[in-house]
Amino acid sequence: MLERFSDPRAIEWVLLFVLLEAAVLWAAWRRTGRGLAPAAIVACLLPGAFLMLAVRAALAGQGGRPVAAWLLAALAAHLVDLGVRWRAR
């Protein structure tokens, strides 16, 4: 069972579900006007997506630079998300 999670393609499935989650949240916001606005959805989900891409790069054996780049992207997206939430309060 663990072998399935050591395949970099497993991360692509997880990212697909994250994309589906974003689409459902956006559709709910558009239909009802309640919930997270599209920019907030992206700000919320993007850091996690970047972290998953870092894991994918590591599992694929791409080396330290791509992993570090994805981790830095995750940090930047996380800081943006924090900034958006901080101003909203």
PDB file of N, CA and C in Angstrom:
ATOM      1  N   MET A   1       0.819  -1.198   0.000  1.00  0.00           N
ATOM      2  CA  MET A   1       0.000   0.000   0.000  1.00  0.00           C
ATOM      3  C   MET A   1       0.862   1.261   0.000  1.00  0.00           C
ATOM      4  N   LEU A   2       1.923   1.256   0.791  1.00  0.00           N
ATOM      5  CA  LEU A   2       2.787   2.433   0.855  1.00  0.00           C
ATOM      6  C   LEU A   2       3.485   2.714  -0.471  1.00  0.00           C
ATOM      7  N   GLU A   3       3.660   1.680  -1.285  1.00  0.00           N
ATOM      8  CA  GLU A   3       4.312   1.875  -2.580  1.00  0.00           C
ATOM      9  C   GLU A   3       3.501   2.827  -3.459  1.00  0.00           C
ATOM     10  N   ARG A   4       2.191   2.800  -3.315  1.00  0.00           N
ATOM     11  CA  ARG A   4       1.336   3.691  -4.108  1.00  0.00           C
ATOM     12  C   ARG A   4       1.614   5.154  -3.803  1.00  0.00           C
ATOM     13  N   PHE A   5       1.946   5.447  -2.564  1.00  0.00           N
ATOM     14  CA  PHE A   5       2.196   6.824  -2.166  1.00  0.00           C
ATOM     15  C   PHE A   5       3.622   7.266  -2.453  1.00  0.00           C
ATOM     16  N   SER A   6       4.471   6.344  -2.822  1.00  0.00           N
ATOM     17  CA  SER A   6       5.838   6.721  -3.178  1.00  0.00           C
ATOM     18  C   SER A   6       5.956   7.050  -4.662  1.00  0.00           C
ATOM     19  N   ASP A   7       4.878   6.907  -5.377  1.00  0.00           N
ATOM     20  CA  ASP A   7       4.840   7.237  -6.806  1.00  0.00           C
ATOM     21  C   ASP A   7       4.496   8.725  -6.946  1.00  0.00           C
ATOM     22  N   PRO A   8       5.315   9.494  -7.658  1.00  0.00           N
ATOM     23  CA  PRO A   8       5.030  10.922  -7.822  1.00  0.00           C
ATOM     24  C   PRO A   8       3.656  11.199  -8.438  1.00  0.00           C
ATOM     25  N   ARG A   9       3.132  10.259  -9.203  1.00  0.00           N
ATOM     26  CA  ARG A   9       1.815  10.466  -9.813  1.00  0.00           C
ATOM     27  C   ARG A   9       0.702  10.491  -8.786  1.00  0.00           C
ATOM     28  N   ALA A  10       0.928   9.910  -7.605  1.00  0.00           N
ATOM     29  CA  ALA A  10      -0.086   9.956  -6.552  1.00  0.00           C
ATOM     30  C   ALA A  10      -0.357  11.404  -6.149  1.00  0.00           C
ATOM     31  N   ILE A  11       0.682  12.223  -6.153  1.00  0.00           N
ATOM     32  CA  ILE A  11       0.524  13.636  -5.807  1.00  0.00           C
ATOM     33  C   ILE A  11      -0.353  14.338  -6.843  1.00  0.00           C
ATOM     34  N   GLU A  12      -0.252  13.922  -8.094  1.00  0.00           N
ATOM     35  CA  GLU A  12      -1.084  14.527  -9.130  1.00  0.00           C
ATOM     36  C   GLU A  12      -2.563  14.270  -8.866  1.00  0.00           C
ATOM     37  N   TRP A  13      -2.891  13.098  -8.337  1.00  0.00           N
ATOM     38  CA  TRP A  13      -4.278  12.816  -7.965  1.00  0.00           C
ATOM     39  C   TRP A  13      -4.727  13.715  -6.820  1.00  0.00           C
ATOM     40  N   VAL A  14      -3.866  13.898  -5.850  1.00  0.00           N
ATOM     41  CA  VAL A  14      -4.211  14.773  -4.725  1.00  0.00           C
ATOM     42  C   VAL A  14      -4.424  16.199  -5.234  1.00  0.00           C
ATOM     43  N   LEU A  15      -3.561  16.657  -6.121  1.00  0.00           N
ATOM     44  CA  LEU A  15      -3.716  17.994  -6.687  1.00  0.00           C
ATOM     45  C   LEU A  15      -5.007  18.116  -7.494  1.00  0.00           C
ATOM     46  N   LEU A  16      -5.399  17.055  -8.155  1.00  0.00           N
ATOM     47  CA  LEU A  16      -6.660  17.056  -8.880  1.00  0.00           C
ATOM     48  C   LEU A  16      -7.832  17.257  -7.922  1.00  0.00           C
ATOM     49  N   PHE A  17      -7.777  16.603  -6.764  1.00  0.00           N
ATOM     50  CA  PHE A  17      -8.830  16.780  -5.768  1.00  0.00           C
ATOM     51  C   PHE A  17      -8.825  18.193  -5.193  1.00  0.00           C
ATOM     52  N   VAL A  18      -7.661  18.783  -5.030  1.00  0.00           N
ATOM     53  CA  VAL A  18      -7.580  20.169  -4.568  1.00  0.00           C
ATOM     54  C   VAL A  18      -8.222  21.097  -5.599  1.00  0.00           C
ATOM     55  N   LEU A  19      -7.956  20.848  -6.868  1.00  0.00           N
ATOM     56  CA  LEU A  19      -8.570  21.629  -7.938  1.00  0.00           C
ATOM     57  C   LEU A  19     -10.087  21.460  -7.931  1.00  0.00           C
ATOM     58  N   LEU A  20     -10.540  20.241  -7.723  1.00  0.00           N
ATOM     59  CA  LEU A  20     -11.978  19.979  -7.622  1.00  0.00           C
ATOM     60  C   LEU A  20     -12.580  20.719  -6.430  1.00  0.00           C
ATOM     61  N   GLU A  21     -11.880  20.705  -5.305  1.00  0.00           N
ATOM     62  CA  GLU A  21     -12.336  21.431  -4.122  1.00  0.00           C
ATOM     63  C   GLU A  21     -12.472  22.920  -4.423  1.00  0.00           C
ATOM     64  N   ALA A  22     -11.486  23.488  -5.095  1.00  0.00           N
ATOM     65  CA  ALA A  22     -11.541  24.908  -5.451  1.00  0.00           C
ATOM     66  C   ALA A  22     -12.740  25.188  -6.352  1.00  0.00           C
ATOM     67  N   ALA A  23     -13.000  24.307  -7.304  1.00  0.00           N
ATOM     68  CA  ALA A  23     -14.127  24.498  -8.216  1.00  0.00           C
ATOM     69  C   ALA A  23     -15.462  24.442  -7.478  1.00  0.00           C
ATOM     70  N   VAL A  24     -15.586  23.515  -6.540  1.00  0.00           N
ATOM     71  CA  VAL A  24     -16.820  23.403  -5.758  1.00  0.00           C
ATOM     72  C   VAL A  24     -17.007  24.645  -4.879  1.00  0.00           C
ATOM     73  N   LEU A  25     -15.947  25.091  -4.232  1.00  0.00           N
ATOM     74  CA  LEU A  25     -16.042  26.290  -3.398  1.00  0.00           C
ATOM     75  C   LEU A  25     -16.391  27.518  -4.224  1.00  0.00           C
ATOM     76  N   TRP A  26     -15.783  27.634  -5.399  1.00  0.00           N
ATOM     77  CA  TRP A  26     -16.079  28.768  -6.274  1.00  0.00           C
ATOM     78  C   TRP A  26     -17.532  28.727  -6.741  1.00  0.00           C
ATOM     79  N   ALA A  27     -18.011  27.547  -7.123  1.00  0.00           N
ATOM     80  CA  ALA A  27     -19.391  27.406  -7.582  1.00  0.00           C
ATOM     81  C   ALA A  27     -20.375  27.743  -6.463  1.00  0.00           C
ATOM     82  N   ALA A  28     -20.081  27.320  -5.249  1.00  0.00           N
ATOM     83  CA  ALA A  28     -20.945  27.635  -4.115  1.00  0.00           C
ATOM     84  C   ALA A  28     -20.966  29.133  -3.860  1.00  0.00           C
ATOM     85  N   TRP A  29     -19.816  29.773  -3.941  1.00  0.00           N
ATOM     86  CA  TRP A  29     -19.748  31.225  -3.737  1.00  0.00           C
ATOM     87  C   TRP A  29     -20.531  31.954  -4.826  1.00  0.00           C
ATOM     88  N   ARG A  30     -20.362  31.497  -6.061  1.00  0.00           N
ATOM     89  CA  ARG A  30     -21.042  32.143  -7.184  1.00  0.00           C
ATOM     90  C   ARG A  30     -22.561  31.957  -7.098  1.00  0.00           C
ATOM     91  N   ARG A  31     -22.997  30.788  -6.675  1.00  0.00           N
ATOM     92  CA  ARG A  31     -24.427  30.494  -6.607  1.00  0.00           C
ATOM     93  C   ARG A  31     -25.102  31.200  -5.435  1.00  0.00           C
ATOM     94  N   THR A  32     -24.426  31.217  -4.270  1.00  0.00           N
ATOM     95  CA  THR A  32     -25.070  31.740  -3.063  1.00  0.00           C
ATOM     96  C   THR A  32     -24.556  33.099  -2.636  1.00  0.00           C
ATOM     97  N   GLY A  33     -23.369  33.481  -3.092  1.00  0.00           N
ATOM     98  CA  GLY A  33     -22.770  34.729  -2.628  1.00  0.00           C
ATOM     99  C   GLY A  33     -22.176  34.610  -1.233  1.00  0.00           C
ATOM    100  N   ARG A  34     -22.172  33.414  -0.690  1.00  0.00           N
ATOM    101  CA  ARG A  34     -21.627  33.175   0.655  1.00  0.00           C
ATOM    102  C   ARG A  34     -20.392  32.306   0.542  1.00  0.00           C
ATOM    103  N   GLY A  35     -19.603  32.324   1.580  1.00  0.00           N
ATOM    104  CA  GLY A  35     -18.382  31.520   1.597  1.00  0.00           C
ATOM    105  C   GLY A  35     -17.190  32.352   1.178  1.00  0.00           C
ATOM    106  N   LEU A  36     -16.162  31.676   0.726  1.00  0.00           N
ATOM    107  CA  LEU A  36     -14.926  32.352   0.347  1.00  0.00           C
ATOM    108  C   LEU A  36     -15.004  32.878  -1.076  1.00  0.00           C
ATOM    109  N   ALA A  37     -14.521  34.096  -1.256  1.00  0.00           N
ATOM    110  CA  ALA A  37     -14.410  34.664  -2.592  1.00  0.00           C
ATOM    111  C   ALA A  37     -13.290  33.923  -3.340  1.00  0.00           C
ATOM    112  N   PRO A  38     -13.302  33.972  -4.670  1.00  0.00           N
ATOM    113  CA  PRO A  38     -12.289  33.235  -5.438  1.00  0.00           C
ATOM    114  C   PRO A  38     -10.848  33.550  -5.032  1.00  0.00           C
ATOM    115  N   ALA A  39     -10.526  34.820  -4.780  1.00  0.00           N
ATOM    116  CA  ALA A  39      -9.154  35.165  -4.373  1.00  0.00           C
ATOM    117  C   ALA A  39      -8.795  34.512  -3.043  1.00  0.00           C
ATOM    118  N   ALA A  40      -9.744  34.440  -2.133  1.00  0.00           N
ATOM    119  CA  ALA A  40      -9.491  33.810  -0.834  1.00  0.00           C
ATOM    120  C   ALA A  40      -9.329  32.301  -0.989  1.00  0.00           C
ATOM    121  N   ILE A  41     -10.076  31.710  -1.912  1.00  0.00           N
ATOM    122  CA  ILE A  41      -9.949  30.264  -2.162  1.00  0.00           C
ATOM    123  C   ILE A  41      -8.536  29.956  -2.655  1.00  0.00           C
ATOM    124  N   VAL A  42      -8.074  30.739  -3.605  1.00  0.00           N
ATOM    125  CA  VAL A  42      -6.723  30.529  -4.151  1.00  0.00           C
ATOM    126  C   VAL A  42      -5.677  30.739  -3.062  1.00  0.00           C
ATOM    127  N   ALA A  43      -5.824  31.820  -2.290  1.00  0.00           N
ATOM    128  CA  ALA A  43      -4.853  32.113  -1.236  1.00  0.00           C
ATOM    129  C   ALA A  43      -4.816  31.012  -0.184  1.00  0.00           C
ATOM    130  N   CYS A  44      -5.945  30.385   0.043  1.00  0.00           N
ATOM    131  CA  CYS A  44      -6.030  29.327   1.052  1.00  0.00           C
ATOM    132  C   CYS A  44      -5.423  28.013   0.557  1.00  0.00           C
ATOM    133  N   LEU A  45      -5.678  27.666  -0.704  1.00  0.00           N
ATOM    134  CA  LEU A  45      -5.276  26.359  -1.212  1.00  0.00           C
ATOM    135  C   LEU A  45      -3.883  26.330  -1.845  1.00  0.00           C
ATOM    136  N   LEU A  46      -3.402  27.465  -2.301  1.00  0.00           N
ATOM    137  CA  LEU A  46      -2.139  27.489  -3.028  1.00  0.00           C
ATOM    138  C   LEU A  46      -0.923  27.045  -2.203  1.00  0.00           C
ATOM    139  N   PRO A  47      -0.786  27.471  -0.939  1.00  0.00           N
ATOM    140  CA  PRO A  47       0.390  26.987  -0.180  1.00  0.00           C
ATOM    141  C   PRO A  47       0.440  25.465  -0.078  1.00  0.00           C
ATOM    142  N   GLY A  48      -0.689  24.845   0.166  1.00  0.00           N
ATOM    143  CA  GLY A  48      -0.723  23.385   0.253  1.00  0.00           C
ATOM    144  C   GLY A  48      -0.394  22.724  -1.077  1.00  0.00           C
ATOM    145  N   ALA A  49      -0.891  23.314  -2.161  1.00  0.00           N
ATOM    146  CA  ALA A  49      -0.584  22.769  -3.483  1.00  0.00           C
ATOM    147  C   ALA A  49       0.918  22.841  -3.758  1.00  0.00           C
ATOM    148  N   PHE A  50       1.539  23.956  -3.395  1.00  0.00           N
ATOM    149  CA  PHE A  50       2.988  24.087  -3.591  1.00  0.00           C
ATOM    150  C   PHE A  50       3.756  23.073  -2.732  1.00  0.00           C
ATOM    151  N   LEU A  51       3.283  22.831  -1.513  1.00  0.00           N
ATOM    152  CA  LEU A  51       3.930  21.822  -0.671  1.00  0.00           C
ATOM    153  C   LEU A  51       3.817  20.437  -1.309  1.00  0.00           C
ATOM    154  N   MET A  52       2.665  20.147  -1.884  1.00  0.00           N
ATOM    155  CA  MET A  52       2.501  18.856  -2.552  1.00  0.00           C
ATOM    156  C   MET A  52       3.411  18.746  -3.770  1.00  0.00           C
ATOM    157  N   LEU A  53       3.616  19.850  -4.478  1.00  0.00           N
ATOM    158  CA  LEU A  53       4.532  19.825  -5.611  1.00  0.00           C
ATOM    159  C   LEU A  53       5.982  19.619  -5.149  1.00  0.00           C
ATOM    160  N   ALA A  54       6.306  20.132  -3.964  1.00  0.00           N
ATOM    161  CA  ALA A  54       7.638  19.869  -3.397  1.00  0.00           C
ATOM    162  C   ALA A  54       7.806  18.382  -3.101  1.00  0.00           C
ATOM    163  N   VAL A  55       6.779  17.769  -2.542  1.00  0.00           N
ATOM    164  CA  VAL A  55       6.826  16.332  -2.266  1.00  0.00           C
ATOM    165  C   VAL A  55       6.949  15.559  -3.575  1.00  0.00           C
ATOM    166  N   ARG A  56       6.196  15.975  -4.580  1.00  0.00           N
ATOM    167  CA  ARG A  56       6.270  15.304  -5.879  1.00  0.00           C
ATOM    168  C   ARG A  56       7.680  15.387  -6.462  1.00  0.00           C
ATOM    169  N   ALA A  57       8.288  16.570  -6.372  1.00  0.00           N
ATOM    170  CA  ALA A  57       9.649  16.732  -6.883  1.00  0.00           C
ATOM    171  C   ALA A  57      10.623  15.826  -6.132  1.00  0.00           C
ATOM    172  N   ALA A  58      10.447  15.722  -4.824  1.00  0.00           N
ATOM    173  CA  ALA A  58      11.324  14.858  -4.027  1.00  0.00           C
ATOM    174  C   ALA A  58      11.126  13.388  -4.395  1.00  0.00           C
ATOM    175  N   LEU A  59       9.869  12.969  -4.535  1.00  0.00           N
ATOM    176  CA  LEU A  59       9.595  11.578  -4.896  1.00  0.00           C
ATOM    177  C   LEU A  59      10.106  11.236  -6.288  1.00  0.00           C
ATOM    178  N   ALA A  60      10.099  12.217  -7.178  1.00  0.00           N
ATOM    179  CA  ALA A  60      10.562  11.990  -8.546  1.00  0.00           C
ATOM    180  C   ALA A  60      12.077  12.053  -8.643  1.00  0.00           C
ATOM    181  N   GLY A  61      12.748  12.384  -7.529  1.00  0.00           N
ATOM    182  CA  GLY A  61      14.201  12.447  -7.528  1.00  0.00           C
ATOM    183  C   GLY A  61      14.757  13.618  -8.321  1.00  0.00           C
ATOM    184  N   GLN A  62      14.051  14.731  -8.320  1.00  0.00           N
ATOM    185  CA  GLN A  62      14.470  15.894  -9.103  1.00  0.00           C
ATOM    186  C   GLN A  62      15.607  16.681  -8.462  1.00  0.00           C
ATOM    187  N   GLY A  63      15.954  16.357  -7.248  1.00  0.00           N
ATOM    188  CA  GLY A  63      17.060  17.050  -6.594  1.00  0.00           C
ATOM    189  C   GLY A  63      16.574  18.151  -5.663  1.00  0.00           C
ATOM    190  N   GLY A  64      17.540  18.755  -5.013  1.00  0.00           N
ATOM    191  CA  GLY A  64      17.226  19.734  -3.983  1.00  0.00           C
ATOM    192  C   GLY A  64      16.712  21.065  -4.491  1.00  0.00           C
ATOM    193  N   ARG A  65      17.187  21.519  -5.637  1.00  0.00           N
ATOM    194  CA  ARG A  65      16.769  22.842  -6.135  1.00  0.00           C
ATOM    195  C   ARG A  65      15.275  22.931  -6.435  1.00  0.00           C
ATOM    196  N   PRO A  66      14.703  21.990  -7.169  1.00  0.00           N
ATOM    197  CA  PRO A  66      13.257  22.074  -7.396  1.00  0.00           C
ATOM    198  C   PRO A  66      12.443  21.966  -6.103  1.00  0.00           C
ATOM    199  N   VAL A  67      12.886  21.087  -5.214  1.00  0.00           N
ATOM    200  CA  VAL A  67      12.187  20.950  -3.931  1.00  0.00           C
ATOM    201  C   VAL A  67      12.249  22.270  -3.169  1.00  0.00           C
ATOM    202  N   ALA A  68      13.421  22.867  -3.104  1.00  0.00           N
ATOM    203  CA  ALA A  68      13.576  24.148  -2.401  1.00  0.00           C
ATOM    204  C   ALA A  68      12.744  25.238  -3.071  1.00  0.00           C
ATOM    205  N   ALA A  69      12.693  25.244  -4.399  1.00  0.00           N
ATOM    206  CA  ALA A  69      11.907  26.254  -5.109  1.00  0.00           C
ATOM    207  C   ALA A  69      10.426  26.125  -4.768  1.00  0.00           C
ATOM    208  N   TRP A  70       9.905  24.904  -4.743  1.00  0.00           N
ATOM    209  CA  TRP A  70       8.499  24.706  -4.390  1.00  0.00           C
ATOM    210  C   TRP A  70       8.245  25.081  -2.932  1.00  0.00           C
ATOM    211  N   LEU A  71       9.205  24.778  -2.058  1.00  0.00           N
ATOM    212  CA  LEU A  71       9.040  25.152  -0.652  1.00  0.00           C
ATOM    213  C   LEU A  71       9.045  26.668  -0.486  1.00  0.00           C
ATOM    214  N   LEU A  72       9.895  27.359  -1.225  1.00  0.00           N
ATOM    215  CA  LEU A  72       9.892  28.825  -1.174  1.00  0.00           C
ATOM    216  C   LEU A  72       8.590  29.396  -1.736  1.00  0.00           C
ATOM    217  N   ALA A  73       8.083  28.790  -2.788  1.00  0.00           N
ATOM    218  CA  ALA A  73       6.801  29.221  -3.341  1.00  0.00           C
ATOM    219  C   ALA A  73       5.682  29.015  -2.314  1.00  0.00           C
ATOM    220  N   ALA A  74       5.737  27.896  -1.604  1.00  0.00           N
ATOM    221  CA  ALA A  74       4.736  27.626  -0.561  1.00  0.00           C
ATOM    222  C   ALA A  74       4.823  28.664   0.551  1.00  0.00           C
ATOM    223  N   LEU A  75       6.038  29.011   0.945  1.00  0.00           N
ATOM    224  CA  LEU A  75       6.218  30.030   1.976  1.00  0.00           C
ATOM    225  C   LEU A  75       5.666  31.368   1.508  1.00  0.00           C
ATOM    226  N   ALA A  76       5.978  31.767   0.295  1.00  0.00           N
ATOM    227  CA  ALA A  76       5.484  33.044  -0.235  1.00  0.00           C
ATOM    228  C   ALA A  76       3.956  33.051  -0.292  1.00  0.00           C
ATOM    229  N   ALA A  77       3.363  31.966  -0.779  1.00  0.00           N
ATOM    230  CA  ALA A  77       1.904  31.891  -0.857  1.00  0.00           C
ATOM    231  C   ALA A  77       1.276  31.899   0.535  1.00  0.00           C
ATOM    232  N   HIS A  78       1.920  31.253   1.477  1.00  0.00           N
ATOM    233  CA  HIS A  78       1.433  31.242   2.858  1.00  0.00           C
ATOM    234  C   HIS A  78       1.468  32.650   3.452  1.00  0.00           C
ATOM    235  N   LEU A  79       2.544  33.376   3.202  1.00  0.00           N
ATOM    236  CA  LEU A  79       2.645  34.744   3.722  1.00  0.00           C
ATOM    237  C   LEU A  79       1.593  35.650   3.089  1.00  0.00           C
ATOM    238  N   VAL A  80       1.324  35.459   1.811  1.00  0.00           N
ATOM    239  CA  VAL A  80       0.254  36.223   1.157  1.00  0.00           C
ATOM    240  C   VAL A  80      -1.088  35.890   1.798  1.00  0.00           C
ATOM    241  N   ASP A  81      -1.346  34.612   2.018  1.00  0.00           N
ATOM    242  CA  ASP A  81      -2.594  34.195   2.661  1.00  0.00           C
ATOM    243  C   ASP A  81      -2.724  34.809   4.047  1.00  0.00           C
ATOM    244  N   LEU A  82      -1.646  34.791   4.819  1.00  0.00           N
ATOM    245  CA  LEU A  82      -1.682  35.411   6.149  1.00  0.00           C
ATOM    246  C   LEU A  82      -1.967  36.909   6.049  1.00  0.00           C
ATOM    247  N   GLY A  83      -1.328  37.570   5.088  1.00  0.00           N
ATOM    248  CA  GLY A  83      -1.558  39.000   4.903  1.00  0.00           C
ATOM    249  C   GLY A  83      -2.996  39.308   4.560  1.00  0.00           C
ATOM    250  N   VAL A  84      -3.585  38.510   3.684  1.00  0.00           N
ATOM    251  CA  VAL A  84      -4.998  38.718   3.314  1.00  0.00           C
ATOM    252  C   VAL A  84      -5.891  38.500   4.527  1.00  0.00           C
ATOM    253  N   ARG A  85      -5.638  37.459   5.274  1.00  0.00           N
ATOM    254  CA  ARG A  85      -6.474  37.187   6.454  1.00  0.00           C
ATOM    255  C   ARG A  85      -6.262  38.243   7.539  1.00  0.00           C
ATOM    256  N   TRP A  86      -5.052  38.714   7.695  1.00  0.00           N
ATOM    257  CA  TRP A  86      -4.747  39.695   8.738  1.00  0.00           C
ATOM    258  C   TRP A  86      -5.503  40.997   8.458  1.00  0.00           C
ATOM    259  N   ARG A  87      -5.505  41.428   7.183  1.00  0.00           N
ATOM    260  CA  ARG A  87      -6.206  42.662   6.812  1.00  0.00           C
ATOM    261  C   ARG A  87      -7.713  42.519   6.905  1.00  0.00           C
ATOM    262  N   ALA A  88      -8.233  41.288   6.736  1.00  0.00           N
ATOM    263  CA  ALA A  88      -9.673  41.070   6.762  1.00  0.00           C
ATOM    264  C   ALA A  88     -10.239  41.182   8.169  1.00  0.00           C
ATOM    265  N   ARG A  89      -9.411  41.083   9.154  1.00  0.00           N
ATOM    266  CA  ARG A  89      -9.904  41.136  10.542  1.00  0.00           C
ATOM    267  C   ARG A  89      -9.937  42.509  11.038  1.00  0.00           C
TER     268      ARG A  89
END
